[in-house]
Protein backbone atom coordinates (compact mmCIF):
# COMPACT_ATOMS: atom_id res chain seq x y z
CA UNK A 1 171.94 77.44 74.67
CA UNK A 2 169.09 74.43 75.55
CA UNK A 3 166.19 76.06 76.67
CA UNK A 4 163.23 74.35 76.82
CA UNK A 5 159.56 74.76 78.22
CA UNK A 6 156.96 72.17 77.98
CA UNK A 7 153.57 73.34 79.09
CA UNK A 8 149.82 73.65 78.67
CA UNK A 9 147.38 76.64 78.94
CA UNK A 10 143.77 77.88 78.05
CA UNK A 11 144.61 77.89 74.22
CA UNK A 12 145.84 74.13 74.33
CA UNK A 13 143.75 72.74 76.76
CA UNK A 14 140.29 72.84 77.96
CA UNK A 15 139.46 74.25 81.24
CA UNK A 16 138.36 70.94 82.97
CA UNK A 17 142.17 69.85 82.26
CA UNK A 18 143.59 73.08 83.43
CA UNK A 19 141.32 72.45 86.62
CA UNK A 20 142.81 69.05 87.37
CA UNK A 21 146.33 69.84 86.38
CA UNK A 22 146.50 73.17 88.67
CA UNK A 23 149.50 73.02 90.55
CA UNK A 24 148.96 74.01 94.32
CA UNK A 25 151.82 76.57 95.64
CA UNK A 26 153.70 74.08 97.77
CA UNK A 27 153.72 71.62 94.75
CA UNK A 28 155.95 73.92 92.81
CA UNK A 29 159.08 73.54 94.79
CA UNK A 30 159.04 69.94 94.89
CA UNK A 31 158.56 70.01 91.07
CA UNK A 32 161.20 72.27 90.51
CA UNK A 33 163.24 69.93 92.62
CA UNK A 34 162.37 66.82 90.98
CA UNK A 35 163.41 68.87 87.64
CA UNK A 36 166.71 69.60 88.44
CA UNK A 37 167.35 66.24 89.96
CA UNK A 38 166.36 64.47 86.63
CA UNK A 39 169.59 63.71 84.32
CA UNK A 40 168.90 66.02 81.43
CA UNK A 41 168.00 69.32 83.24
CA UNK A 42 170.35 71.52 85.28
CA UNK A 43 167.89 74.26 85.68
CA UNK A 44 164.26 74.81 86.27
CA UNK A 45 161.38 77.31 86.84
CA UNK A 46 158.01 76.96 86.75
CA UNK A 47 155.09 79.49 85.69
CA UNK A 48 151.89 78.56 87.10
CA UNK A 49 148.73 80.60 86.74
CA UNK A 50 144.88 80.30 86.73
CA UNK A 51 145.03 79.54 82.82
CA UNK A 52 148.60 78.15 82.42
CA UNK A 53 151.21 75.60 83.73
CA UNK A 54 154.46 75.71 82.26
CA UNK A 55 157.90 74.13 83.12
CA UNK A 56 161.22 75.51 81.72
CA UNK A 57 164.52 73.89 81.90
CA UNK A 58 168.06 74.13 80.73
CA UNK A 59 168.47 70.64 79.18
CA UNK A 60 171.52 69.04 77.51
CA UNK A 61 168.99 66.67 75.19
CA UNK A 62 165.95 67.50 73.33
CA UNK A 63 164.20 64.20 73.20
CA UNK A 64 165.23 63.19 76.67
CA UNK A 65 164.11 66.49 78.31
CA UNK A 66 161.01 66.56 76.61
CA UNK A 67 160.09 63.33 77.88
CA UNK A 68 161.49 63.98 81.66
CA UNK A 69 159.51 67.47 81.66
CA UNK A 70 156.16 65.68 80.42
CA UNK A 71 156.28 63.12 83.00
CA UNK A 72 157.12 65.06 85.53
CA UNK A 73 154.48 68.06 84.97
CA UNK A 74 152.04 64.56 84.81
CA UNK A 75 153.23 63.44 88.40
CA UNK A 76 152.93 66.81 90.04
CA UNK A 77 149.72 67.70 88.55
CA UNK A 78 148.13 64.33 89.06
CA UNK A 79 146.85 64.20 85.49
CA UNK A 80 147.90 60.96 83.67
CA UNK A 81 150.76 61.29 81.21
CA UNK A 82 148.61 59.68 78.55
CA UNK A 83 145.54 62.13 79.05
CA UNK A 84 147.99 65.21 79.55
CA UNK A 85 150.22 64.59 76.61
CA UNK A 86 147.66 65.78 73.83
CA UNK A 87 147.37 69.28 75.31
CA UNK A 88 150.93 69.66 75.89
CA UNK A 89 152.86 72.40 73.56
CA UNK A 90 157.05 72.26 73.56
CA UNK A 91 159.00 75.33 72.72
CA UNK A 92 162.88 74.82 72.34
CA UNK A 93 165.64 77.53 72.32
CA UNK A 94 164.65 80.96 70.47
CA UNK A 95 161.19 79.43 70.04
CA UNK A 96 161.23 78.99 74.05
CA UNK A 97 162.46 82.59 74.34
CA UNK A 98 159.66 83.70 72.06
CA UNK A 99 157.04 82.12 73.96
CA UNK A 100 158.14 83.48 77.28
CA UNK A 101 158.58 87.33 75.69
CA UNK A 102 155.16 86.70 74.54
CA UNK A 103 153.41 85.91 77.59
CA UNK A 104 155.25 88.22 79.43
CA UNK A 105 153.79 91.05 77.09
CA UNK A 106 149.96 89.42 77.57
CA UNK A 107 149.90 88.26 74.00
CA UNK A 108 149.19 84.61 75.07
CA UNK A 109 146.71 86.00 78.16
CA UNK A 110 143.29 85.08 78.16
CA UNK A 111 143.02 88.82 78.22
CA UNK A 112 145.17 90.35 75.40
CA UNK A 113 147.49 92.69 76.81
CA UNK A 114 146.77 92.38 80.69
CA UNK A 115 149.61 93.07 82.93
CA UNK A 116 149.12 90.74 85.72
CA UNK A 117 151.41 88.32 84.20
CA UNK A 118 154.61 90.41 84.50
CA UNK A 119 153.93 89.79 88.41
CA UNK A 120 153.37 86.14 88.13
CA UNK A 121 156.77 85.78 85.59
CA UNK A 122 158.16 87.78 88.54
CA UNK A 123 157.21 85.39 91.52
CA UNK A 124 158.00 82.06 89.33
CA UNK A 125 161.51 83.42 89.09
CA UNK A 126 161.71 84.34 92.90
CA UNK A 127 160.58 80.85 93.62
CA UNK A 128 163.45 79.32 91.58
CA UNK A 129 165.83 81.33 93.14
CA UNK A 130 164.60 80.46 96.56
CA UNK A 131 164.88 76.73 95.45
CA UNK A 132 168.15 77.45 93.89
CA UNK A 133 167.25 75.92 90.63
CA UNK A 134 167.43 79.10 88.47
CA UNK A 135 171.24 79.52 86.95
CA UNK A 136 172.52 81.63 84.61
CA UNK A 137 170.36 80.93 81.54
CA UNK A 138 166.88 81.29 83.71
CA UNK A 139 167.76 84.36 85.70
CA UNK A 140 168.64 85.92 82.49
CA UNK A 141 165.76 84.82 80.46
CA UNK A 142 163.14 85.62 83.31
CA UNK A 143 164.84 89.52 83.75
CA UNK A 144 164.88 89.92 80.02
CA UNK A 145 161.17 88.69 79.96
CA UNK A 146 160.19 91.59 82.64
CA UNK A 147 162.03 94.14 81.19
CA UNK A 148 160.21 92.93 77.49
CA UNK A 149 156.92 92.97 79.11
CA UNK A 150 157.48 96.50 80.52
CA UNK A 151 158.98 97.66 77.11
CA UNK A 152 155.77 96.74 75.44
CA UNK A 153 153.48 98.53 78.03
CA UNK A 154 155.37 101.50 77.90
CA UNK A 155 155.92 101.73 74.19
CA UNK A 156 152.75 100.61 72.95
CA UNK A 157 148.94 100.99 73.62
CA UNK A 158 148.63 97.20 74.29
CA UNK A 159 147.03 98.15 77.37
CA UNK A 160 144.29 99.58 75.63
CA UNK A 161 143.75 96.15 73.92
CA UNK A 162 143.70 94.15 77.29
CA UNK A 163 142.74 94.66 81.19
CA UNK A 164 143.37 92.69 84.01
CA UNK A 165 141.24 89.38 84.23
CA UNK A 166 139.21 90.73 87.09
CA UNK A 167 137.83 93.78 84.79
CA UNK A 168 137.37 91.70 81.82
CA UNK A 169 135.29 89.17 84.17
CA UNK A 170 132.97 92.32 85.89
CA UNK A 171 132.69 93.51 82.21
CA UNK A 172 131.13 90.18 81.00
CA UNK A 173 129.43 89.86 84.31
CA UNK A 174 127.52 93.36 83.73
CA UNK A 175 126.70 92.16 80.22
CA UNK A 176 127.15 95.10 78.11
CA UNK A 177 126.50 97.70 80.99
CA UNK A 178 128.81 100.28 82.03
CA UNK A 179 130.68 98.63 84.75
CA UNK A 180 130.49 101.52 87.24
CA UNK A 181 127.05 102.18 86.98
CA UNK A 182 126.30 98.61 87.32
CA UNK A 183 128.43 98.10 90.47
CA UNK A 184 127.36 101.38 91.95
CA UNK A 185 125.67 100.78 95.14
CA UNK A 186 125.70 97.16 95.41
CA UNK A 187 126.56 94.86 98.00
CA UNK A 188 129.70 92.84 97.03
CA UNK A 189 131.28 89.52 98.40
CA UNK A 190 134.86 88.50 97.80
CA UNK A 191 135.60 85.49 98.80
CA UNK A 192 139.56 85.11 99.28
CA UNK A 193 142.56 87.19 100.00
CA UNK A 194 145.21 86.62 97.47
CA UNK A 195 146.48 88.46 94.97
CA UNK A 196 143.59 87.85 92.34
CA UNK A 197 140.91 88.22 95.10
CA UNK A 198 142.66 91.45 96.43
CA UNK A 199 142.66 92.98 92.85
CA UNK A 200 138.95 92.33 92.72
CA UNK A 201 138.26 93.96 96.31
CA UNK A 202 139.93 97.13 95.41
CA UNK A 203 138.23 97.20 91.49
CA UNK A 204 134.90 97.00 93.03
CA UNK A 205 135.97 99.33 95.93
CA UNK A 206 136.97 102.13 93.29
CA UNK A 207 133.95 101.30 91.31
CA UNK A 208 131.26 102.40 94.19
CA UNK A 209 130.09 99.54 95.37
CA UNK A 210 127.64 100.11 98.21
CA UNK A 211 129.02 97.47 100.49
CA UNK A 212 132.01 95.25 100.53
CA UNK A 213 132.73 92.11 102.54
CA UNK A 214 135.94 90.05 102.35
CA UNK A 215 135.91 86.84 103.65
CA UNK A 216 138.63 84.27 104.10
CA UNK A 217 140.00 81.44 105.59
CA UNK A 218 142.62 83.06 107.39
CA UNK A 219 140.69 85.65 109.17
CA UNK A 220 143.97 88.18 109.43
CA UNK A 221 144.28 88.36 105.91
CA UNK A 222 140.93 89.50 104.98
CA UNK A 223 141.18 91.96 108.23
CA UNK A 224 144.43 93.50 106.61
CA UNK A 225 142.78 93.66 103.09
CA UNK A 226 139.59 95.00 104.55
CA UNK A 227 141.05 97.76 106.33
CA UNK A 228 142.84 99.58 103.59
CA UNK A 229 139.49 99.51 101.27
CA UNK A 230 136.94 100.49 104.27
CA UNK A 231 135.45 97.02 104.08
CA UNK A 232 134.24 94.04 106.56
CA UNK A 233 136.41 91.30 107.08
CA UNK A 234 134.83 87.87 108.43
CA UNK A 235 136.14 84.18 108.22
CA UNK A 236 135.01 81.76 105.77
CA UNK A 237 132.01 79.80 107.46
CA UNK A 238 130.36 83.47 107.28
CA UNK A 239 130.04 83.06 103.62
CA UNK A 240 126.53 81.36 103.53
CA UNK A 241 124.95 84.37 105.27
CA UNK A 242 126.63 87.08 103.45
CA UNK A 243 125.59 85.09 100.07
CA UNK A 244 121.93 85.91 100.93
CA UNK A 245 122.53 89.38 100.99
CA UNK A 246 125.01 90.20 98.28
CA UNK A 247 124.51 91.28 94.52
CA UNK A 248 127.67 90.36 93.25
CA UNK A 249 130.24 87.56 94.19
CA UNK A 250 133.71 87.36 93.21
CA UNK A 251 135.74 84.16 94.43
CA UNK A 252 139.42 83.14 93.78
CA UNK A 253 140.59 81.14 96.58
CA UNK A 254 142.96 78.56 94.99
CA UNK A 255 141.07 76.02 97.28
CA UNK A 256 141.41 72.05 96.30
CA UNK A 257 137.52 71.78 96.43
CA UNK A 258 134.89 73.57 95.63
CA UNK A 259 133.99 76.67 97.87
CA UNK A 260 130.35 77.45 96.69
CA UNK A 261 127.83 74.62 95.50
CA UNK A 262 124.79 74.84 93.24
CA UNK A 263 122.16 74.08 96.15
CA UNK A 264 123.83 76.64 98.28
CA UNK A 265 123.65 79.19 96.26
CA UNK A 266 120.15 78.33 95.04
CA UNK A 267 119.03 78.63 98.94
CA UNK A 268 120.55 82.08 99.00
CA UNK A 269 118.69 83.56 96.05
CA UNK A 270 115.28 81.34 96.10
CA UNK A 271 113.51 84.01 98.40
CA UNK A 272 115.14 87.08 97.14
CA UNK A 273 113.06 89.55 94.90
CA UNK A 274 113.35 89.70 91.36
CA UNK A 275 115.17 92.86 90.22
CA UNK A 276 113.27 95.47 88.82
CA UNK A 277 115.77 96.02 85.66
CA UNK A 278 114.94 92.22 84.97
CA UNK A 279 118.99 90.99 85.67
CA UNK A 280 120.21 88.59 87.79
CA UNK A 281 119.34 88.67 91.33
CA UNK A 282 123.11 87.30 91.93
CA UNK A 283 126.08 88.16 89.94
CA UNK A 284 128.82 85.49 90.55
CA UNK A 285 132.50 86.07 89.08
CA UNK A 286 134.62 82.84 89.54
CA UNK A 287 138.21 83.52 88.69
CA UNK A 288 139.92 80.45 90.36
CA UNK A 289 141.78 77.92 88.90
CA UNK A 290 140.75 74.56 89.86
CA UNK A 291 136.98 76.51 89.97
CA UNK A 292 135.69 78.05 93.14
CA UNK A 293 132.11 77.41 91.92
CA UNK A 294 130.07 74.46 90.81
CA UNK A 295 129.30 74.91 86.98
CA UNK A 296 125.81 73.82 87.54
CA UNK A 297 125.37 77.27 88.93
CA UNK A 298 124.85 78.15 85.33
CA UNK A 299 121.43 76.39 85.92
CA UNK A 300 120.00 78.26 89.07
CA UNK A 301 117.57 80.71 88.45
CA UNK A 302 118.26 84.23 89.10
CA UNK A 303 121.99 83.54 88.91
CA UNK A 304 124.49 85.04 86.30
CA UNK A 305 127.83 82.68 86.39
CA UNK A 306 131.03 84.20 84.64
CA UNK A 307 133.73 81.87 84.98
CA UNK A 308 137.43 81.04 83.30
CA UNK A 309 135.56 78.69 80.92
CA UNK A 310 133.06 81.48 79.75
CA UNK A 311 135.90 84.49 79.81
CA UNK A 312 138.09 81.89 77.47
CA UNK A 313 134.99 81.85 75.19
CA UNK A 314 134.33 85.71 75.17
CA UNK A 315 138.26 86.43 74.80
CA UNK A 316 138.34 84.12 71.52
CA UNK A 317 135.69 86.54 70.07
CA UNK A 318 137.09 89.83 71.08
CA UNK A 319 138.95 92.12 68.25
CA UNK A 320 142.43 92.29 68.18
CA UNK A 321 143.99 95.88 68.81
CA UNK A 322 146.16 97.52 66.34
CA UNK A 323 148.66 97.85 68.72
CA UNK A 324 149.18 93.88 69.08
CA UNK A 325 151.25 93.81 66.00
CA UNK A 326 153.67 96.68 67.54
CA UNK A 327 154.06 94.23 70.51
CA UNK A 328 154.93 91.39 68.09
CA UNK A 329 157.77 93.64 66.60
CA UNK A 330 159.05 94.03 70.07
CA UNK A 331 159.35 90.29 70.97
CA UNK A 332 160.87 89.22 67.67
CA UNK A 333 163.33 91.95 67.95
CA UNK A 334 164.14 91.39 71.89
CA UNK A 335 164.17 87.52 70.90
CA UNK A 336 167.13 87.92 68.44
CA UNK A 337 169.36 90.24 70.67
CA UNK A 338 168.44 87.64 73.83
CA UNK A 339 169.85 84.85 71.35
CA UNK A 340 172.62 86.87 70.00
CA UNK A 341 173.70 87.72 73.82
CA UNK A 342 173.45 83.95 74.82
CA UNK A 343 175.53 82.79 72.19
CA UNK A 344 178.04 85.60 72.10
CA UNK A 345 178.60 84.63 76.22
CA UNK A 346 179.61 81.20 75.12
CA UNK A 347 182.29 82.29 73.51
CA UNK A 348 183.54 84.15 76.57
CA UNK A 349 185.18 81.42 78.71
CA UNK A 350 187.41 80.17 75.70
CA UNK A 351 188.41 83.81 75.01
CA UNK A 352 189.33 84.39 78.44
CA UNK A 353 191.24 80.84 78.68
CA UNK A 354 192.90 81.88 75.63
CA UNK A 355 194.22 85.32 77.21
CA UNK A 356 195.23 83.39 80.24
CA UNK A 357 197.39 81.20 78.12
CA UNK A 358 199.20 83.93 76.51
CA UNK A 359 199.61 85.71 80.00
CA UNK A 360 201.29 82.33 81.04
CA UNK A 361 203.63 82.20 77.47
CA UNK A 362 204.60 85.85 78.22
CA UNK A 363 205.48 84.95 81.87
CA UNK A 364 207.47 82.02 80.98
CA UNK A 365 209.37 83.73 78.16
CA UNK A 366 210.50 86.30 80.21
CA UNK A 367 211.33 83.86 83.07
CA UNK A 368 213.51 81.86 80.35
CA UNK A 369 214.96 85.61 79.11
CA UNK A 370 215.90 86.73 82.68
CA UNK A 371 217.77 83.73 83.35
CA UNK A 372 219.90 84.49 80.04
CA UNK A 373 220.13 88.29 80.54
CA UNK A 374 221.64 88.87 84.18
CA UNK A 375 222.29 92.11 84.24
CA UNK A 376 218.81 93.61 83.22
CA UNK A 377 217.57 96.18 86.19
CA UNK A 378 214.11 96.74 86.84
CA UNK A 379 213.45 99.51 84.53
CA UNK A 380 214.71 97.11 81.71
CA UNK A 381 212.41 94.09 82.69
CA UNK A 382 209.29 96.16 83.14
CA UNK A 383 209.76 97.74 79.26
CA UNK A 384 210.56 94.18 77.88
CA UNK A 385 207.64 92.69 79.55
CA UNK A 386 205.19 95.52 78.89
CA UNK A 387 206.24 95.21 74.98
CA UNK A 388 206.12 91.81 74.96
CA UNK A 389 202.20 91.71 76.33
CA UNK A 390 201.37 94.83 74.03
CA UNK A 391 202.59 92.43 71.06
CA UNK A 392 200.40 89.51 72.33
CA UNK A 393 197.56 91.54 72.75
CA UNK A 394 197.66 93.17 69.43
CA UNK A 395 197.67 89.90 68.00
CA UNK A 396 194.89 88.22 70.01
CA UNK A 397 192.62 91.40 69.84
CA UNK A 398 191.25 91.30 66.18
CA UNK A 399 190.31 87.38 66.43
CA UNK A 400 189.01 87.39 69.79
CA UNK A 401 186.83 90.47 68.71
CA UNK A 402 185.69 88.82 65.80
CA UNK A 403 184.87 85.45 66.97
CA UNK A 404 182.75 86.95 69.85
CA UNK A 405 180.61 88.79 67.00
CA UNK A 406 180.70 85.52 64.95
CA UNK A 407 179.71 83.43 67.79
CA UNK A 408 176.53 86.07 68.51
CA UNK A 409 175.39 85.02 65.06
CA UNK A 410 172.69 81.85 64.09
CA UNK A 411 174.93 78.95 63.95
CA UNK A 412 177.91 80.43 65.84
CA UNK A 413 178.13 78.21 68.76
CA UNK A 414 180.72 76.08 66.90
CA UNK A 415 183.35 79.00 66.89
CA UNK A 416 184.43 78.36 70.71
CA UNK A 417 185.05 74.79 69.70
CA UNK A 418 187.16 76.26 66.65
CA UNK A 419 189.31 78.37 68.87
CA UNK A 420 190.32 75.42 71.60
CA UNK A 421 191.34 73.49 68.56
CA UNK A 422 193.45 76.15 67.21
CA UNK A 423 195.29 77.00 70.36
CA UNK A 424 195.15 73.57 71.79
CA UNK A 425 193.08 74.78 75.04
CA UNK A 426 192.73 72.97 77.97
CA UNK A 427 189.06 72.17 77.98
CA UNK A 428 189.73 71.99 81.94
CA UNK A 429 190.76 75.65 81.69
CA UNK A 430 187.75 76.46 79.56
CA UNK A 431 185.32 74.98 82.12
CA UNK A 432 186.96 76.26 85.23
CA UNK A 433 186.55 79.99 83.57
CA UNK A 434 182.70 78.96 83.04
CA UNK A 435 182.04 77.23 86.57
CA UNK A 436 184.76 79.43 89.27
CA UNK A 437 182.46 78.36 92.08
CA UNK A 438 182.98 74.76 91.25
CA UNK A 439 186.34 75.03 90.53
CA UNK A 440 187.02 76.62 94.24
CA UNK A 441 185.33 73.86 95.96
């Protein structure tokens, strides 16, 4: 196994760098194709969320792989390699598996324990499959990561330790007040109709907001979402008018530039009456990466802005739940099992090639015997053939079972080589078992 991950996240890089490095959806396919087109990589998948960008690959050389993946991330993100390098982290083989499984369980999320990451991992695998860049290793890895994440959520109370980024953001916006009480009866504006914006709209509707408006560049998508929530749908050019009447704004569009500027927000709240409870006239929650809302909105009087950067600061000070340790135990257990399975799988082509060679030897010996014993009838021939096969199977059974067990242990990769040497197996025969599609071409 030669799994390598190179990436950056809210834990390794400031939000300003993450913003600039964010990958547009259409750029991910090109990054995958360029990665598998590079010499060290055979498979590739990219996990890109609002607070992480990670490139996974099956590589044949570690140092060359790190250099190539780092360069590709820099090229496709638009951040110079020299600037990006200090914020990159690298995980290899079992450490890479451990990292993805931890991510899948929400241990590495901005909000510990949040479950939205599972959908993002599923999407990352789907894109890699569509681009035909996910082979056996990455398919196995990502599918197992999804199972590990689901196991963590079903067997522990990690859900109590964390929530979705939307819920966490609304809690920070409410500034210590009960979120549902704070939202009840208020006018809410959601900008965007993607997965995060949809989650925000559903959360706001369930909390009992008095009015919900959804704006989006593609009006049809906003209408579909609004219809299910008894909300109003409007085109993007309606933002300025709706901003003047809104109490709460949630924005997550994935746009390349700013959606709300400080001057625009200032105009919207300048003529508004102060709230009787002394709270902000307008609460803005920016969940986009790169940001939708200009940072200077923090300084607009009467406005409370909560964005990815302030959420990261809040999470850093949040207490860890006791169930986190239980999830870490699950991750460690699953990493060991995945590594053993992958190492054991490497011996299978050699074992199959050995048994194929043994079958060929039996067939050859039976042909030679028939040439010497012309009087054999079909029953005798079948009985002798079956006896020889049983002898061969019994001789091979214990060594092949044991070599699979040994190969699953740490450092067991060399047993396949030993088996090939001991039985003088043709390397091309082993390769044909490993790559049957290639053999048929």
